[in-house]
Amino acid sequence: MHSTIFTFTTILGLSAAAAIVPRQNGVCGPLTTPLCCQTDVAGVANLACANAGIITTLDAFQAQCALTGTTAQCCLIALGSDGLVCTEA
């Protein structure tokens, strides 16, 4: 009985916390990271990338990157200042 109450409380707490976190799925999708990148190497590697920060729309994402002279990219893997397997947003 105690383990059932503990499990229920834990699941309820985790699901409530997940709802509070702002999502950026509408910009790039659930599996990719929005990055502002300078150099694109055939869509496989993007060099000199920076995190786009908290963005909510595609237009805001593109505008944020344009301020620094970079392009808006959605990358599957972000490694330091590089992005791998990227597509233009």
PDB file of N, CA and C in Angstrom:
ATOM      1  N   MET A   1       0.820  -1.191   0.000  1.00  0.00           N
ATOM      2  CA  MET A   1       0.000   0.000   0.000  1.00  0.00           C
ATOM      3  C   MET A   1       0.865   1.257   0.000  1.00  0.00           C
ATOM      4  N   HIS A   2       1.932   1.238   0.813  1.00  0.00           N
ATOM      5  CA  HIS A   2       2.801   2.405   0.878  1.00  0.00           C
ATOM      6  C   HIS A   2       3.516   2.638  -0.449  1.00  0.00           C
ATOM      7  N   SER A   3       3.925   1.568  -1.100  1.00  0.00           N
ATOM      8  CA  SER A   3       4.623   1.731  -2.371  1.00  0.00           C
ATOM      9  C   SER A   3       3.678   2.249  -3.452  1.00  0.00           C
ATOM     10  N   THR A   4       2.426   1.881  -3.401  1.00  0.00           N
ATOM     11  CA  THR A   4       1.446   2.379  -4.364  1.00  0.00           C
ATOM     12  C   THR A   4       1.246   3.875  -4.197  1.00  0.00           C
ATOM     13  N   ILE A   5       1.123   4.335  -2.973  1.00  0.00           N
ATOM     14  CA  ILE A   5       0.948   5.766  -2.717  1.00  0.00           C
ATOM     15  C   ILE A   5       2.199   6.527  -3.139  1.00  0.00           C
ATOM     16  N   PHE A   6       3.373   5.984  -2.826  1.00  0.00           N
ATOM     17  CA  PHE A   6       4.630   6.625  -3.211  1.00  0.00           C
ATOM     18  C   PHE A   6       4.750   6.716  -4.732  1.00  0.00           C
ATOM     19  N   THR A   7       4.448   5.638  -5.426  1.00  0.00           N
ATOM     20  CA  THR A   7       4.524   5.613  -6.887  1.00  0.00           C
ATOM     21  C   THR A   7       3.558   6.611  -7.500  1.00  0.00           C
ATOM     22  N   PHE A   8       2.337   6.637  -7.024  1.00  0.00           N
ATOM     23  CA  PHE A   8       1.335   7.568  -7.539  1.00  0.00           C
ATOM     24  C   PHE A   8       1.773   9.013  -7.314  1.00  0.00           C
ATOM     25  N   THR A   9       2.274   9.321  -6.132  1.00  0.00           N
ATOM     26  CA  THR A   9       2.716  10.679  -5.817  1.00  0.00           C
ATOM     27  C   THR A   9       3.905  11.080  -6.685  1.00  0.00           C
ATOM     28  N   THR A  10       4.824  10.175  -6.910  1.00  0.00           N
ATOM     29  CA  THR A  10       5.987  10.452  -7.747  1.00  0.00           C
ATOM     30  C   THR A  10       5.574  10.729  -9.187  1.00  0.00           C
ATOM     31  N   ILE A  11       4.724   9.899  -9.738  1.00  0.00           N
ATOM     32  CA  ILE A  11       4.261  10.094 -11.117  1.00  0.00           C
ATOM     33  C   ILE A  11       3.502  11.403 -11.250  1.00  0.00           C
ATOM     34  N   LEU A  12       2.654  11.704 -10.308  1.00  0.00           N
ATOM     35  CA  LEU A  12       1.895  12.954 -10.335  1.00  0.00           C
ATOM     36  C   LEU A  12       2.834  14.152 -10.269  1.00  0.00           C
ATOM     37  N   GLY A  13       3.830  14.088  -9.420  1.00  0.00           N
ATOM     38  CA  GLY A  13       4.792  15.181  -9.300  1.00  0.00           C
ATOM     39  C   GLY A  13       5.610  15.383 -10.556  1.00  0.00           C
ATOM     40  N   LEU A  14       6.055  14.313 -11.177  1.00  0.00           N
ATOM     41  CA  LEU A  14       6.842  14.420 -12.400  1.00  0.00           C
ATOM     42  C   LEU A  14       6.018  14.939 -13.567  1.00  0.00           C
ATOM     43  N   SER A  15       4.781  14.519 -13.673  1.00  0.00           N
ATOM     44  CA  SER A  15       3.948  14.984 -14.781  1.00  0.00           C
ATOM     45  C   SER A  15       3.591  16.448 -14.614  1.00  0.00           C
ATOM     46  N   ALA A  16       3.405  16.912 -13.400  1.00  0.00           N
ATOM     47  CA  ALA A  16       3.102  18.322 -13.169  1.00  0.00           C
ATOM     48  C   ALA A  16       4.319  19.180 -13.484  1.00  0.00           C
ATOM     49  N   ALA A  17       5.504  18.727 -13.131  1.00  0.00           N
ATOM     50  CA  ALA A  17       6.722  19.484 -13.405  1.00  0.00           C
ATOM     51  C   ALA A  17       6.987  19.561 -14.904  1.00  0.00           C
ATOM     52  N   ALA A  18       6.682  18.524 -15.637  1.00  0.00           N
ATOM     53  CA  ALA A  18       6.911  18.529 -17.080  1.00  0.00           C
ATOM     54  C   ALA A  18       6.012  19.526 -17.788  1.00  0.00           C
ATOM     55  N   ALA A  19       4.838  19.771 -17.276  1.00  0.00           N
ATOM     56  CA  ALA A  19       3.912  20.704 -17.904  1.00  0.00           C
ATOM     57  C   ALA A  19       4.349  22.149 -17.728  1.00  0.00           C
ATOM     58  N   ILE A  20       5.163  22.442 -16.733  1.00  0.00           N
ATOM     59  CA  ILE A  20       5.587  23.808 -16.450  1.00  0.00           C
ATOM     60  C   ILE A  20       6.710  24.256 -17.379  1.00  0.00           C
ATOM     61  N   VAL A  21       7.521  23.347 -17.864  1.00  0.00           N
ATOM     62  CA  VAL A  21       8.679  23.670 -18.688  1.00  0.00           C
ATOM     63  C   VAL A  21       8.219  24.174 -20.053  1.00  0.00           C
ATOM     64  N   PRO A  22       8.726  25.342 -20.506  1.00  0.00           N
ATOM     65  CA  PRO A  22       8.344  25.839 -21.826  1.00  0.00           C
ATOM     66  C   PRO A  22       8.906  24.937 -22.925  1.00  0.00           C
ATOM     67  N   ARG A  23       8.131  24.674 -23.924  1.00  0.00           N
ATOM     68  CA  ARG A  23       8.534  23.788 -25.019  1.00  0.00           C
ATOM     69  C   ARG A  23       8.878  24.599 -26.261  1.00  0.00           C
ATOM     70  N   GLN A  24       9.816  24.079 -27.059  1.00  0.00           N
ATOM     71  CA  GLN A  24      10.183  24.693 -28.322  1.00  0.00           C
ATOM     72  C   GLN A  24       9.917  23.745 -29.478  1.00  0.00           C
ATOM     73  N   ASN A  25       9.027  22.779 -29.273  1.00  0.00           N
ATOM     74  CA  ASN A  25       8.742  21.778 -30.300  1.00  0.00           C
ATOM     75  C   ASN A  25       8.185  22.394 -31.571  1.00  0.00           C
ATOM     76  N   GLY A  26       7.471  23.510 -31.477  1.00  0.00           N
ATOM     77  CA  GLY A  26       6.873  24.129 -32.649  1.00  0.00           C
ATOM     78  C   GLY A  26       7.892  24.745 -33.579  1.00  0.00           C
ATOM     79  N   VAL A  27       9.094  24.980 -33.097  1.00  0.00           N
ATOM     80  CA  VAL A  27      10.117  25.622 -33.910  1.00  0.00           C
ATOM     81  C   VAL A  27      10.900  24.589 -34.717  1.00  0.00           C
ATOM     82  N   CYS A  28      11.479  23.615 -34.055  1.00  0.00           N
ATOM     83  CA  CYS A  28      12.316  22.623 -34.740  1.00  0.00           C
ATOM     84  C   CYS A  28      11.796  21.199 -34.632  1.00  0.00           C
ATOM     85  N   GLY A  29      10.947  20.932 -33.706  1.00  0.00           N
ATOM     86  CA  GLY A  29      10.491  19.571 -33.484  1.00  0.00           C
ATOM     87  C   GLY A  29      11.049  19.046 -32.177  1.00  0.00           C
ATOM     88  N   PRO A  30      10.547  17.909 -31.736  1.00  0.00           N
ATOM     89  CA  PRO A  30      10.923  17.410 -30.416  1.00  0.00           C
ATOM     90  C   PRO A  30      12.327  16.810 -30.324  1.00  0.00           C
ATOM     91  N   LEU A  31      12.939  16.446 -31.434  1.00  0.00           N
ATOM     92  CA  LEU A  31      14.230  15.759 -31.378  1.00  0.00           C
ATOM     93  C   LEU A  31      15.419  16.621 -31.775  1.00  0.00           C
ATOM     94  N   THR A  32      15.190  17.835 -32.248  1.00  0.00           N
ATOM     95  CA  THR A  32      16.291  18.675 -32.701  1.00  0.00           C
ATOM     96  C   THR A  32      16.432  19.910 -31.826  1.00  0.00           C
ATOM     97  N   THR A  33      17.606  20.530 -31.908  1.00  0.00           N
ATOM     98  CA  THR A  33      17.939  21.701 -31.111  1.00  0.00           C
ATOM     99  C   THR A  33      18.058  22.914 -32.022  1.00  0.00           C
ATOM    100  N   PRO A  34      17.405  24.031 -31.689  1.00  0.00           N
ATOM    101  CA  PRO A  34      17.554  25.245 -32.497  1.00  0.00           C
ATOM    102  C   PRO A  34      18.909  25.904 -32.232  1.00  0.00           C
ATOM    103  N   LEU A  35      19.705  26.058 -33.290  1.00  0.00           N
ATOM    104  CA  LEU A  35      21.025  26.676 -33.190  1.00  0.00           C
ATOM    105  C   LEU A  35      21.184  27.739 -34.264  1.00  0.00           C
ATOM    106  N   CYS A  36      21.961  28.767 -33.962  1.00  0.00           N
ATOM    107  CA  CYS A  36      22.341  29.783 -34.944  1.00  0.00           C
ATOM    108  C   CYS A  36      23.759  29.450 -35.394  1.00  0.00           C
ATOM    109  N   CYS A  37      23.932  29.102 -36.686  1.00  0.00           N
ATOM    110  CA  CYS A  37      25.225  28.615 -37.180  1.00  0.00           C
ATOM    111  C   CYS A  37      25.760  29.506 -38.292  1.00  0.00           C
ATOM    112  N   GLN A  38      27.113  29.542 -38.404  1.00  0.00           N
ATOM    113  CA  GLN A  38      27.757  30.349 -39.432  1.00  0.00           C
ATOM    114  C   GLN A  38      28.039  29.555 -40.696  1.00  0.00           C
ATOM    115  N   THR A  39      28.549  28.350 -40.570  1.00  0.00           N
ATOM    116  CA  THR A  39      28.994  27.572 -41.722  1.00  0.00           C
ATOM    117  C   THR A  39      28.247  26.251 -41.798  1.00  0.00           C
ATOM    118  N   ASP A  40      27.711  25.939 -42.983  1.00  0.00           N
ATOM    119  CA  ASP A  40      27.004  24.682 -43.202  1.00  0.00           C
ATOM    120  C   ASP A  40      27.829  23.819 -44.153  1.00  0.00           C
ATOM    121  N   VAL A  41      28.119  22.591 -43.746  1.00  0.00           N
ATOM    122  CA  VAL A  41      28.876  21.664 -44.582  1.00  0.00           C
ATOM    123  C   VAL A  41      27.924  20.566 -45.048  1.00  0.00           C
ATOM    124  N   ALA A  42      27.252  20.800 -46.159  1.00  0.00           N
ATOM    125  CA  ALA A  42      26.364  19.832 -46.813  1.00  0.00           C
ATOM    126  C   ALA A  42      25.265  19.292 -45.898  1.00  0.00           C
ATOM    127  N   GLY A  43      24.842  20.047 -44.915  1.00  0.00           N
ATOM    128  CA  GLY A  43      23.771  19.607 -44.025  1.00  0.00           C
ATOM    129  C   GLY A  43      24.183  18.551 -43.027  1.00  0.00           C
ATOM    130  N   VAL A  44      25.452  18.144 -43.068  1.00  0.00           N
ATOM    131  CA  VAL A  44      25.936  17.113 -42.158  1.00  0.00           C
ATOM    132  C   VAL A  44      26.551  17.748 -40.916  1.00  0.00           C
ATOM    133  N   ALA A  45      27.354  18.783 -41.117  1.00  0.00           N
ATOM    134  CA  ALA A  45      28.003  19.457 -39.991  1.00  0.00           C
ATOM    135  C   ALA A  45      27.835  20.962 -40.139  1.00  0.00           C
ATOM    136  N   ASN A  46      27.505  21.608 -39.066  1.00  0.00           N
ATOM    137  CA  ASN A  46      27.418  23.058 -39.016  1.00  0.00           C
ATOM    138  C   ASN A  46      28.440  23.536 -38.000  1.00  0.00           C
ATOM    139  N   LEU A  47      29.253  24.516 -38.405  1.00  0.00           N
ATOM    140  CA  LEU A  47      30.342  24.973 -37.555  1.00  0.00           C
ATOM    141  C   LEU A  47      30.039  26.349 -36.980  1.00  0.00           C
ATOM    142  N   ALA A  48      30.657  26.651 -35.868  1.00  0.00           N
ATOM    143  CA  ALA A  48      30.506  27.933 -35.174  1.00  0.00           C
ATOM    144  C   ALA A  48      29.038  28.204 -34.859  1.00  0.00           C
ATOM    145  N   CYS A  49      28.418  27.301 -34.141  1.00  0.00           N
ATOM    146  CA  CYS A  49      27.008  27.442 -33.774  1.00  0.00           C
ATOM    147  C   CYS A  49      26.877  27.987 -32.356  1.00  0.00           C
ATOM    148  N   ALA A  50      25.754  28.637 -32.110  1.00  0.00           N
ATOM    149  CA  ALA A  50      25.436  29.143 -30.776  1.00  0.00           C
ATOM    150  C   ALA A  50      23.986  28.806 -30.474  1.00  0.00           C
ATOM    151  N   ASN A  51      23.702  28.607 -29.213  1.00  0.00           N
ATOM    152  CA  ASN A  51      22.336  28.319 -28.783  1.00  0.00           C
ATOM    153  C   ASN A  51      21.454  29.520 -29.100  1.00  0.00           C
ATOM    154  N   ALA A  52      20.281  29.280 -29.632  1.00  0.00           N
ATOM    155  CA  ALA A  52      19.375  30.361 -30.010  1.00  0.00           C
ATOM    156  C   ALA A  52      18.661  30.963 -28.810  1.00  0.00           C
ATOM    157  N   GLY A  53      18.736  30.327 -27.662  1.00  0.00           N
ATOM    158  CA  GLY A  53      18.032  30.830 -26.484  1.00  0.00           C
ATOM    159  C   GLY A  53      16.587  30.356 -26.486  1.00  0.00           C
ATOM    160  N   ILE A  54      15.766  31.007 -25.690  1.00  0.00           N
ATOM    161  CA  ILE A  54      14.350  30.635 -25.601  1.00  0.00           C
ATOM    162  C   ILE A  54      13.593  31.338 -26.717  1.00  0.00           C
ATOM    163  N   ILE A  55      13.062  30.545 -27.627  1.00  0.00           N
ATOM    164  CA  ILE A  55      12.303  31.068 -28.760  1.00  0.00           C
ATOM    165  C   ILE A  55      10.975  30.330 -28.831  1.00  0.00           C
ATOM    166  N   THR A  56       9.966  30.997 -29.359  1.00  0.00           N
ATOM    167  CA  THR A  56       8.645  30.375 -29.411  1.00  0.00           C
ATOM    168  C   THR A  56       8.093  30.244 -30.821  1.00  0.00           C
ATOM    169  N   THR A  57       8.606  31.031 -31.763  1.00  0.00           N
ATOM    170  CA  THR A  57       8.102  30.960 -33.134  1.00  0.00           C
ATOM    171  C   THR A  57       9.269  30.849 -34.112  1.00  0.00           C
ATOM    172  N   LEU A  58       8.977  30.373 -35.293  1.00  0.00           N
ATOM    173  CA  LEU A  58       9.988  30.245 -36.331  1.00  0.00           C
ATOM    174  C   LEU A  58      10.512  31.616 -36.745  1.00  0.00           C
ATOM    175  N   ASP A  59       9.626  32.600 -36.864  1.00  0.00           N
ATOM    176  CA  ASP A  59      10.052  33.954 -37.238  1.00  0.00           C
ATOM    177  C   ASP A  59      10.998  34.545 -36.200  1.00  0.00           C
ATOM    178  N   ALA A  60      10.701  34.334 -34.922  1.00  0.00           N
ATOM    179  CA  ALA A  60      11.569  34.838 -33.855  1.00  0.00           C
ATOM    180  C   ALA A  60      12.926  34.144 -33.895  1.00  0.00           C
ATOM    181  N   PHE A  61      12.931  32.857 -34.206  1.00  0.00           N
ATOM    182  CA  PHE A  61      14.169  32.086 -34.314  1.00  0.00           C
ATOM    183  C   PHE A  61      15.036  32.631 -35.440  1.00  0.00           C
ATOM    184  N   GLN A  62      14.455  32.840 -36.608  1.00  0.00           N
ATOM    185  CA  GLN A  62      15.203  33.354 -37.749  1.00  0.00           C
ATOM    186  C   GLN A  62      15.700  34.775 -37.493  1.00  0.00           C
ATOM    187  N   ALA A  63      14.878  35.603 -36.842  1.00  0.00           N
ATOM    188  CA  ALA A  63      15.274  36.978 -36.535  1.00  0.00           C
ATOM    189  C   ALA A  63      16.410  37.007 -35.518  1.00  0.00           C
ATOM    190  N   GLN A  64      16.348  36.135 -34.526  1.00  0.00           N
ATOM    191  CA  GLN A  64      17.401  36.056 -33.504  1.00  0.00           C
ATOM    192  C   GLN A  64      18.739  35.713 -34.146  1.00  0.00           C
ATOM    193  N   CYS A  65      18.733  34.769 -35.071  1.00  0.00           N
ATOM    194  CA  CYS A  65      19.974  34.380 -35.744  1.00  0.00           C
ATOM    195  C   CYS A  65      20.451  35.466 -36.710  1.00  0.00           C
ATOM    196  N   ALA A  66      19.535  36.134 -37.373  1.00  0.00           N
ATOM    197  CA  ALA A  66      19.899  37.182 -38.327  1.00  0.00           C
ATOM    198  C   ALA A  66      20.603  38.351 -37.636  1.00  0.00           C
ATOM    199  N   LEU A  67      20.281  38.601 -36.371  1.00  0.00           N
ATOM    200  CA  LEU A  67      20.938  39.680 -35.627  1.00  0.00           C
ATOM    201  C   LEU A  67      22.443  39.465 -35.523  1.00  0.00           C
ATOM    202  N   THR A  68      22.874  38.218 -35.496  1.00  0.00           N
ATOM    203  CA  THR A  68      24.300  37.903 -35.377  1.00  0.00           C
ATOM    204  C   THR A  68      24.916  37.482 -36.712  1.00  0.00           C
ATOM    205  N   GLY A  69      24.153  37.559 -37.795  1.00  0.00           N
ATOM    206  CA  GLY A  69      24.669  37.199 -39.111  1.00  0.00           C
ATOM    207  C   GLY A  69      24.793  35.709 -39.335  1.00  0.00           C
ATOM    208  N   THR A  70      24.013  34.928 -38.605  1.00  0.00           N
ATOM    209  CA  THR A  70      24.050  33.473 -38.746  1.00  0.00           C
ATOM    210  C   THR A  70      22.727  32.977 -39.311  1.00  0.00           C
ATOM    211  N   THR A  71      22.665  31.692 -39.628  1.00  0.00           N
ATOM    212  CA  THR A  71      21.431  31.112 -40.149  1.00  0.00           C
ATOM    213  C   THR A  71      20.787  30.225 -39.090  1.00  0.00           C
ATOM    214  N   ALA A  72      19.478  30.153 -39.129  1.00  0.00           N
ATOM    215  CA  ALA A  72      18.709  29.336 -38.188  1.00  0.00           C
ATOM    216  C   ALA A  72      18.756  27.885 -38.651  1.00  0.00           C
ATOM    217  N   GLN A  73      19.268  27.010 -37.803  1.00  0.00           N
ATOM    218  CA  GLN A  73      19.402  25.598 -38.122  1.00  0.00           C
ATOM    219  C   GLN A  73      18.781  24.754 -37.017  1.00  0.00           C
ATOM    220  N   CYS A  74      18.162  23.649 -37.402  1.00  0.00           N
ATOM    221  CA  CYS A  74      17.635  22.675 -36.445  1.00  0.00           C
ATOM    222  C   CYS A  74      18.551  21.456 -36.514  1.00  0.00           C
ATOM    223  N   CYS A  75      19.315  21.216 -35.449  1.00  0.00           N
ATOM    224  CA  CYS A  75      20.340  20.172 -35.453  1.00  0.00           C
ATOM    225  C   CYS A  75      19.950  19.013 -34.549  1.00  0.00           C
ATOM    226  N   LEU A  76      20.169  17.815 -35.050  1.00  0.00           N
ATOM    227  CA  LEU A  76      19.860  16.609 -34.294  1.00  0.00           C
ATOM    228  C   LEU A  76      20.830  16.420 -33.135  1.00  0.00           C
ATOM    229  N   ILE A  77      22.105  16.754 -33.353  1.00  0.00           N
ATOM    230  CA  ILE A  77      23.128  16.600 -32.318  1.00  0.00           C
ATOM    231  C   ILE A  77      23.881  17.920 -32.178  1.00  0.00           C
ATOM    232  N   ALA A  78      23.936  18.456 -30.966  1.00  0.00           N
ATOM    233  CA  ALA A  78      24.698  19.671 -30.685  1.00  0.00           C
ATOM    234  C   ALA A  78      25.931  19.289 -29.875  1.00  0.00           C
ATOM    235  N   LEU A  79      27.111  19.554 -30.445  1.00  0.00           N
ATOM    236  CA  LEU A  79      28.377  19.227 -29.779  1.00  0.00           C
ATOM    237  C   LEU A  79      29.179  20.506 -29.584  1.00  0.00           C
ATOM    238  N   GLY A  80      29.144  21.058 -28.404  1.00  0.00           N
ATOM    239  CA  GLY A  80      29.875  22.289 -28.134  1.00  0.00           C
ATOM    240  C   GLY A  80      29.396  23.407 -29.036  1.00  0.00           C
ATOM    241  N   SER A  81      30.282  23.906 -29.899  1.00  0.00           N
ATOM    242  CA  SER A  81      29.899  24.983 -30.813  1.00  0.00           C
ATOM    243  C   SER A  81      29.612  24.462 -32.215  1.00  0.00           C
ATOM    244  N   ASP A  82      29.392  23.174 -32.358  1.00  0.00           N
ATOM    245  CA  ASP A  82      29.089  22.572 -33.655  1.00  0.00           C
ATOM    246  C   ASP A  82      27.755  21.841 -33.599  1.00  0.00           C
ATOM    247  N   GLY A  83      27.113  21.743 -34.747  1.00  0.00           N
ATOM    248  CA  GLY A  83      25.874  20.989 -34.853  1.00  0.00           C
ATOM    249  C   GLY A  83      26.008  19.919 -35.921  1.00  0.00           C
ATOM    250  N   LEU A  84      25.465  18.743 -35.672  1.00  0.00           N
ATOM    251  CA  LEU A  84      25.534  17.645 -36.636  1.00  0.00           C
ATOM    252  C   LEU A  84      24.135  17.274 -37.100  1.00  0.00           C
ATOM    253  N   VAL A  85      24.016  16.911 -38.359  1.00  0.00           N
ATOM    254  CA  VAL A  85      22.760  16.524 -39.009  1.00  0.00           C
ATOM    255  C   VAL A  85      21.740  17.651 -38.823  1.00  0.00           C
ATOM    256  N   CYS A  86      21.980  18.752 -39.538  1.00  0.00           N
ATOM    257  CA  CYS A  86      21.156  19.956 -39.391  1.00  0.00           C
ATOM    258  C   CYS A  86      20.330  20.227 -40.641  1.00  0.00           C
ATOM    259  N   THR A  87      19.203  20.872 -40.440  1.00  0.00           N
ATOM    260  CA  THR A  87      18.371  21.358 -41.536  1.00  0.00           C
ATOM    261  C   THR A  87      18.070  22.825 -41.280  1.00  0.00           C
ATOM    262  N   GLU A  88      17.923  23.578 -42.359  1.00  0.00           N
ATOM    263  CA  GLU A  88      17.628  25.002 -42.215  1.00  0.00           C
ATOM    264  C   GLU A  88      16.188  25.183 -41.759  1.00  0.00           C
ATOM    265  N   ALA A  89      16.009  26.079 -40.815  1.00  0.00           N
ATOM    266  CA  ALA A  89      14.661  26.329 -40.275  1.00  0.00           C
ATOM    267  C   ALA A  89      13.890  27.250 -41.186  1.00  0.00           C
TER     268      ALA A  89
END
